Amino acid sequence: MHPPVVRALRSDKAEQCAALHAASFAHSWSAAEFEALLSSKAAVGSAAVDSRADALRGFALSRIAADEAEVLTIAVHSAFRNRGIGRALLTDNLSRLAASHVQSLFLEVERANLAAIALYARMGFHEVGQRRGYYQKPDGSTAAALVLRKDLA
């Protein structure tokens, strides 16, 4: 395996995004949904791509609204987790958002996702709210989300 290179996420990776998202989340998005998001001028995406095979190893996708943005999703292939790829993707995405004059960034994360919460805390995010029953689990139960914010300005 070769270390991935982080670059802009483009719509030509929509199918790979959908496959990786399906492997990472109980309720995933289709390739058409990714293509629509990635084709939007409001979308900002970062991709971790295998430097030789051009295969997607992870991605971060955000959407800008005025001077704020929301991280829509971050996914890293299971074979590449715990190698700093999530942090590299988020760092790249933050840089792209700052270059677009975004002042504040928001995201939701499942309360039980301790690894992601720790990453976000290291990256300067802080809790500003909660959403009860936000995530639907495969068994039909729901899980609360923490709402996190990071000021970029």
Protein backbone atom coordinates (compact mmCIF):
# COMPACT_ATOMS: atom_id res chain seq x y z
CA MET A 1 0.00 0.00 0.00
CA HIS A 2 1.24 3.44 -0.88
CA PRO A 3 0.60 6.49 1.29
CA PRO A 4 -2.29 8.57 -0.03
CA VAL A 5 -1.93 12.08 -1.38
CA VAL A 6 -4.48 14.69 -0.26
CA ARG A 7 -5.93 16.84 -3.04
CA ALA A 8 -9.21 18.47 -4.07
CA LEU A 9 -12.16 16.07 -4.27
CA ARG A 10 -13.80 16.19 -7.69
CA SER A 11 -17.05 14.77 -9.07
CA ASP A 12 -15.15 12.04 -10.96
CA LYS A 13 -14.76 10.33 -7.56
CA ALA A 14 -18.54 10.24 -6.86
CA GLU A 15 -18.82 6.45 -7.31
CA GLN A 16 -15.84 5.79 -5.06
CA CYS A 17 -17.23 8.26 -2.47
CA ALA A 18 -20.56 6.40 -2.46
CA ALA A 19 -18.85 3.02 -2.01
CA LEU A 20 -16.63 4.29 0.82
CA HIS A 21 -19.56 6.08 2.47
CA ALA A 22 -21.67 2.88 2.32
CA ALA A 23 -18.85 0.94 3.98
CA SER A 24 -18.56 3.58 6.71
CA PHE A 25 -22.13 4.59 7.58
CA ALA A 26 -25.45 2.80 8.16
CA HIS A 27 -27.29 5.28 5.94
CA SER A 28 -25.19 6.15 2.95
CA TRP A 29 -25.52 8.47 -0.02
CA SER A 30 -25.73 7.40 -3.65
CA ALA A 31 -23.18 8.17 -6.35
CA ALA A 32 -25.75 10.56 -7.89
CA GLU A 33 -26.05 12.43 -4.59
CA PHE A 34 -22.26 12.73 -4.35
CA GLU A 35 -22.03 13.87 -7.95
CA ALA A 36 -24.65 16.58 -7.33
CA LEU A 37 -22.88 17.75 -4.17
CA LEU A 38 -19.44 17.73 -5.75
CA SER A 39 -20.70 19.64 -8.79
CA SER A 40 -22.07 22.41 -6.59
CA LYS A 41 -20.07 25.62 -6.27
CA ALA A 42 -20.86 25.58 -2.55
CA ALA A 43 -19.14 22.22 -2.00
CA VAL A 44 -15.58 21.96 -0.75
CA GLY A 45 -14.04 18.51 -0.79
CA SER A 46 -10.72 16.93 0.07
CA ALA A 47 -9.65 13.48 -1.13
CA ALA A 48 -6.96 11.09 0.09
CA VAL A 49 -5.99 9.19 -3.06
CA ASP A 50 -3.53 6.33 -3.53
CA SER A 51 -0.68 7.93 -5.46
CA ARG A 52 -0.28 4.98 -7.84
CA ALA A 53 -3.72 3.42 -8.25
CA ASP A 54 -5.73 6.69 -8.03
CA ALA A 55 -8.06 4.86 -5.61
CA LEU A 56 -9.91 6.89 -3.00
CA ARG A 57 -8.75 6.10 0.55
CA GLY A 58 -10.76 8.79 2.32
CA PHE A 59 -12.57 12.08 1.82
CA ALA A 60 -14.00 15.10 3.61
CA LEU A 61 -16.89 17.07 2.17
CA SER A 62 -18.21 20.43 3.36
CA ARG A 63 -20.78 22.91 2.09
CA ILE A 64 -20.53 26.70 2.31
CA ALA A 65 -23.49 28.98 3.07
CA ALA A 66 -22.53 32.67 3.21
CA ASP A 67 -19.60 32.94 5.65
CA GLU A 68 -20.34 29.63 7.40
CA ALA A 69 -19.83 26.03 6.39
CA GLU A 70 -20.85 22.60 7.56
CA VAL A 71 -18.80 19.43 7.36
CA LEU A 72 -21.25 17.08 5.67
CA THR A 73 -19.23 13.89 5.98
CA ILE A 74 -15.77 12.46 6.48
CA ALA A 75 -14.94 8.84 5.68
CA VAL A 76 -11.68 6.88 5.67
CA HIS A 77 -11.32 3.36 4.26
CA SER A 78 -11.12 0.90 7.18
CA ALA A 79 -7.67 -0.36 6.10
CA PHE A 80 -6.31 3.19 6.35
CA ARG A 81 -7.78 4.33 9.68
CA ASN A 82 -5.57 5.40 12.58
CA ARG A 83 -2.85 6.63 10.21
CA GLY A 84 -3.57 10.37 10.35
CA ILE A 85 -5.61 10.44 7.14
CA GLY A 86 -8.72 11.85 8.82
CA ARG A 87 -6.65 14.64 10.34
CA ALA A 88 -4.93 15.35 6.99
CA LEU A 89 -8.31 15.47 5.22
CA LEU A 90 -9.80 17.80 7.83
CA THR A 91 -6.71 20.04 7.77
CA ASP A 92 -6.89 20.31 3.99
CA ASN A 93 -10.65 20.96 4.10
CA LEU A 94 -10.18 23.70 6.73
CA SER A 95 -7.56 25.37 4.52
CA ARG A 96 -9.86 25.29 1.52
CA LEU A 97 -12.74 26.72 3.57
CA ALA A 98 -10.56 29.48 5.03
CA ALA A 99 -9.42 30.40 1.50
CA SER A 100 -13.13 30.76 0.64
CA HIS A 101 -13.52 33.27 3.51
CA VAL A 102 -15.52 30.95 5.75
CA GLN A 103 -15.67 32.36 9.29
CA SER A 104 -17.28 29.46 11.20
CA LEU A 105 -17.47 25.73 10.60
CA PHE A 106 -20.05 23.36 12.09
CA LEU A 107 -20.47 19.60 12.16
CA GLU A 108 -22.49 16.88 13.84
CA VAL A 109 -20.85 13.79 15.29
CA GLU A 110 -22.42 10.81 17.00
CA ARG A 111 -21.95 11.12 20.75
CA ALA A 112 -20.50 7.57 20.90
CA ASN A 113 -17.86 8.25 18.20
CA LEU A 114 -15.07 8.96 20.66
CA ALA A 115 -12.26 8.76 18.10
CA ALA A 116 -13.87 11.42 15.91
CA ILE A 117 -14.72 13.61 18.91
CA ALA A 118 -11.08 13.43 20.05
CA LEU A 119 -9.87 14.40 16.56
CA TYR A 120 -12.26 17.35 16.38
CA ALA A 121 -11.20 18.53 19.85
CA ARG A 122 -7.52 18.40 18.79
CA MET A 123 -8.47 20.43 15.71
CA GLY A 124 -10.08 23.18 17.83
CA PHE A 125 -13.78 22.31 17.62
CA HIS A 126 -15.98 22.81 20.68
CA GLU A 127 -19.49 21.64 21.53
CA VAL A 128 -22.27 24.17 20.96
CA GLY A 129 -25.32 21.89 21.13
CA GLN A 130 -26.84 18.45 20.81
CA ARG A 131 -29.45 16.83 18.58
CA ARG A 132 -31.39 13.98 20.15
CA GLY A 133 -32.26 11.07 17.86
CA TYR A 134 -30.22 12.58 15.01
CA TYR A 135 -28.61 9.37 13.76
CA GLN A 136 -30.60 6.28 12.86
CA LYS A 137 -28.78 3.05 13.70
CA PRO A 138 -29.05 -0.14 11.58
CA ASP A 139 -31.22 -1.75 14.28
CA GLY A 140 -33.77 1.09 14.09
CA SER A 141 -32.68 2.82 17.30
CA THR A 142 -31.40 6.38 17.27
CA ALA A 143 -28.33 8.10 18.63
CA ALA A 144 -27.70 11.66 19.72
CA ALA A 145 -25.34 13.96 17.85
CA LEU A 146 -23.08 16.59 19.31
CA VAL A 147 -23.01 19.85 17.35
CA LEU A 148 -19.47 21.21 17.17
CA ARG A 149 -18.14 24.55 15.97
CA LYS A 150 -14.76 25.92 14.99
CA ASP A 151 -14.10 29.57 14.26
CA LEU A 152 -11.75 30.02 11.33
CA ALA A 153 -11.43 33.81 11.43
